[in-house]
């Protein structure tokens, strides 16, 4: 298992997990989120191949409309 920091809290995921796996685990498979890992934006087309590493700092940001 890998231990990550997800939005400031500890999150454990299986070894070999990609960003899409993490999104699935937390119930956020929608493309209306931004994913930032260690201060780098992970584009939606790279999420299935970007492997998570021990100690990664992950921020998931939800887009919200308004006016």
N, C-alpha and C. Protein backbone atom coordinates (compact mmCIF):
# COMPACT_ATOMS: atom_id res chain seq x y z
N UNK A 1 0.83 -1.18 0.00
CA UNK A 1 0.00 0.00 0.00
C UNK A 1 0.88 1.25 0.00
N UNK A 2 0.34 2.33 -0.59
CA UNK A 2 1.01 3.63 -0.63
C UNK A 2 0.26 4.60 0.25
N UNK A 3 0.99 5.47 0.92
CA UNK A 3 0.38 6.52 1.72
C UNK A 3 0.61 7.85 1.01
N UNK A 4 -0.49 8.55 0.73
CA UNK A 4 -0.45 9.85 0.06
C UNK A 4 -1.02 10.91 0.99
N UNK A 5 -0.81 12.15 0.63
CA UNK A 5 -1.52 13.24 1.28
C UNK A 5 -2.54 13.75 0.27
N UNK A 6 -3.81 13.57 0.57
CA UNK A 6 -4.89 13.97 -0.33
C UNK A 6 -5.66 15.12 0.30
N UNK A 7 -5.57 16.29 -0.32
CA UNK A 7 -6.23 17.49 0.21
C UNK A 7 -5.94 17.68 1.69
N UNK A 8 -4.66 17.45 2.06
CA UNK A 8 -4.22 17.68 3.43
C UNK A 8 -4.45 16.54 4.41
N UNK A 9 -5.03 15.44 3.94
CA UNK A 9 -5.30 14.30 4.83
C UNK A 9 -4.65 13.04 4.26
N UNK A 10 -4.34 12.12 5.14
CA UNK A 10 -3.72 10.87 4.73
C UNK A 10 -4.70 9.99 3.96
N UNK A 11 -4.22 9.42 2.85
CA UNK A 11 -5.03 8.51 2.03
C UNK A 11 -4.14 7.32 1.67
N UNK A 12 -4.66 6.13 1.82
CA UNK A 12 -3.92 4.92 1.46
C UNK A 12 -4.53 4.33 0.20
N UNK A 13 -3.66 3.98 -0.75
CA UNK A 13 -4.09 3.37 -2.01
C UNK A 13 -3.19 2.17 -2.29
N UNK A 14 -3.66 1.23 -3.10
CA UNK A 14 -2.82 0.08 -3.45
C UNK A 14 -1.61 0.49 -4.30
N UNK A 15 -0.51 -0.26 -4.16
CA UNK A 15 0.65 -0.06 -5.03
C UNK A 15 0.19 -0.19 -6.48
N UNK A 16 0.78 0.59 -7.35
CA UNK A 16 0.46 0.53 -8.77
C UNK A 16 -0.76 1.34 -9.16
N UNK A 17 -1.31 2.11 -8.22
CA UNK A 17 -2.50 2.92 -8.52
C UNK A 17 -2.13 4.11 -9.40
N UNK A 18 -3.01 4.39 -10.35
CA UNK A 18 -2.90 5.58 -11.18
C UNK A 18 -3.88 6.63 -10.63
N UNK A 19 -3.82 7.81 -11.17
CA UNK A 19 -4.70 8.89 -10.74
C UNK A 19 -6.17 8.48 -10.91
N UNK A 20 -6.49 7.82 -12.01
CA UNK A 20 -7.89 7.40 -12.22
C UNK A 20 -8.34 6.42 -11.13
N UNK A 21 -7.43 5.59 -10.64
CA UNK A 21 -7.78 4.67 -9.56
C UNK A 21 -8.11 5.44 -8.28
N UNK A 22 -7.29 6.45 -7.98
CA UNK A 22 -7.56 7.28 -6.80
C UNK A 22 -8.90 7.98 -6.93
N UNK A 23 -9.18 8.55 -8.10
CA UNK A 23 -10.46 9.23 -8.30
C UNK A 23 -11.62 8.26 -8.09
N UNK A 24 -11.46 7.05 -8.55
CA UNK A 24 -12.50 6.04 -8.37
C UNK A 24 -12.68 5.70 -6.88
N UNK A 25 -11.57 5.55 -6.17
CA UNK A 25 -11.61 5.22 -4.75
C UNK A 25 -12.38 6.28 -3.96
N UNK A 26 -12.15 7.54 -4.30
CA UNK A 26 -12.82 8.61 -3.54
C UNK A 26 -14.17 8.99 -4.13
N UNK A 27 -14.57 8.32 -5.21
CA UNK A 27 -15.88 8.55 -5.81
C UNK A 27 -15.96 9.80 -6.65
N UNK A 28 -14.85 10.17 -7.28
CA UNK A 28 -14.83 11.39 -8.10
C UNK A 28 -14.25 11.07 -9.47
N UNK A 29 -15.01 10.36 -10.29
CA UNK A 29 -14.52 9.97 -11.62
C UNK A 29 -14.88 10.98 -12.69
N UNK A 30 -15.47 12.09 -12.28
CA UNK A 30 -15.90 13.13 -13.19
C UNK A 30 -14.69 13.91 -13.72
N UNK A 31 -14.74 14.36 -14.97
CA UNK A 31 -13.68 15.18 -15.53
C UNK A 31 -13.80 16.64 -15.11
N UNK A 32 -14.77 16.96 -14.27
CA UNK A 32 -14.93 18.34 -13.81
C UNK A 32 -14.11 18.60 -12.55
N UNK A 33 -12.98 17.92 -12.43
CA UNK A 33 -12.06 18.16 -11.32
C UNK A 33 -10.68 18.43 -11.89
N UNK A 34 -9.90 19.17 -11.14
CA UNK A 34 -8.49 19.36 -11.48
C UNK A 34 -7.68 18.53 -10.50
N UNK A 35 -6.64 17.89 -10.99
CA UNK A 35 -5.78 17.07 -10.15
C UNK A 35 -4.38 17.68 -10.19
N UNK A 36 -3.86 17.98 -9.01
CA UNK A 36 -2.51 18.53 -8.88
C UNK A 36 -1.72 17.59 -7.98
N UNK A 37 -0.59 17.11 -8.47
CA UNK A 37 0.27 16.23 -7.69
C UNK A 37 1.64 16.87 -7.58
N UNK A 38 2.06 17.09 -6.34
CA UNK A 38 3.36 17.70 -6.07
C UNK A 38 3.54 18.98 -6.89
N UNK A 39 2.50 19.80 -6.90
CA UNK A 39 2.50 21.11 -7.58
C UNK A 39 2.50 21.02 -9.10
N UNK A 40 2.16 19.86 -9.66
CA UNK A 40 2.06 19.70 -11.12
C UNK A 40 0.64 19.30 -11.48
N UNK A 41 0.05 20.00 -12.43
CA UNK A 41 -1.29 19.65 -12.90
C UNK A 41 -1.20 18.38 -13.74
N UNK A 42 -2.10 17.43 -13.46
CA UNK A 42 -2.16 16.19 -14.24
C UNK A 42 -3.38 16.31 -15.16
N UNK A 43 -3.11 16.40 -16.44
CA UNK A 43 -4.19 16.58 -17.43
C UNK A 43 -5.06 15.31 -17.49
N UNK A 44 -6.34 15.47 -17.82
CA UNK A 44 -7.24 14.31 -17.89
C UNK A 44 -6.73 13.18 -18.78
N UNK A 45 -6.07 13.50 -19.90
CA UNK A 45 -5.60 12.44 -20.80
C UNK A 45 -4.38 11.70 -20.25
N UNK A 46 -3.79 12.17 -19.14
CA UNK A 46 -2.62 11.51 -18.53
C UNK A 46 -2.96 10.79 -17.23
N UNK A 47 -4.20 10.93 -16.77
CA UNK A 47 -4.56 10.39 -15.45
C UNK A 47 -4.52 8.87 -15.38
N UNK A 48 -4.81 8.19 -16.47
CA UNK A 48 -4.81 6.72 -16.41
C UNK A 48 -3.40 6.14 -16.44
N UNK A 49 -2.42 6.93 -16.84
CA UNK A 49 -1.04 6.42 -16.92
C UNK A 49 -0.12 7.02 -15.86
N UNK A 50 -0.57 8.06 -15.16
CA UNK A 50 0.27 8.68 -14.13
C UNK A 50 0.20 7.84 -12.85
N UNK A 51 1.29 7.15 -12.55
CA UNK A 51 1.35 6.29 -11.37
C UNK A 51 1.62 7.10 -10.12
N UNK A 52 0.87 6.82 -9.08
CA UNK A 52 1.07 7.48 -7.80
C UNK A 52 2.27 6.88 -7.07
N UNK A 53 2.96 7.73 -6.32
CA UNK A 53 4.16 7.32 -5.60
C UNK A 53 3.97 7.59 -4.10
N UNK A 54 4.68 6.83 -3.29
CA UNK A 54 4.68 7.02 -1.84
C UNK A 54 4.97 8.49 -1.51
N UNK A 55 4.14 9.07 -0.67
CA UNK A 55 4.36 10.43 -0.21
C UNK A 55 3.88 11.53 -1.14
N UNK A 56 3.27 11.18 -2.28
CA UNK A 56 2.76 12.21 -3.18
C UNK A 56 1.79 13.13 -2.43
N UNK A 57 1.85 14.42 -2.76
CA UNK A 57 0.89 15.41 -2.25
C UNK A 57 -0.11 15.66 -3.36
N UNK A 58 -1.34 15.22 -3.14
CA UNK A 58 -2.39 15.30 -4.17
C UNK A 58 -3.45 16.29 -3.73
N UNK A 59 -3.81 17.17 -4.65
CA UNK A 59 -4.92 18.09 -4.43
C UNK A 59 -5.95 17.82 -5.53
N UNK A 60 -7.20 17.62 -5.12
CA UNK A 60 -8.30 17.45 -6.06
C UNK A 60 -9.19 18.68 -5.89
N UNK A 61 -9.33 19.43 -6.97
CA UNK A 61 -10.10 20.67 -6.93
C UNK A 61 -11.34 20.50 -7.79
N UNK A 62 -12.48 20.86 -7.25
CA UNK A 62 -13.76 20.73 -7.95
C UNK A 62 -14.11 22.08 -8.55
N UNK A 63 -14.44 22.06 -9.85
CA UNK A 63 -14.88 23.29 -10.51
C UNK A 63 -16.29 23.62 -10.07
N UNK A 64 -16.51 24.87 -9.77
CA UNK A 64 -17.84 25.32 -9.37
C UNK A 64 -18.18 26.57 -10.17
N UNK A 65 -19.39 26.59 -10.70
CA UNK A 65 -19.85 27.76 -11.44
C UNK A 65 -20.56 28.72 -10.49
N UNK A 66 -20.73 29.86 -10.96
CA UNK A 66 -21.45 30.85 -10.14
C UNK A 66 -21.43 32.20 -10.82
N UNK A 67 -21.96 33.12 -10.15
CA UNK A 67 -21.97 34.43 -10.77
C UNK A 67 -22.29 35.53 -9.83
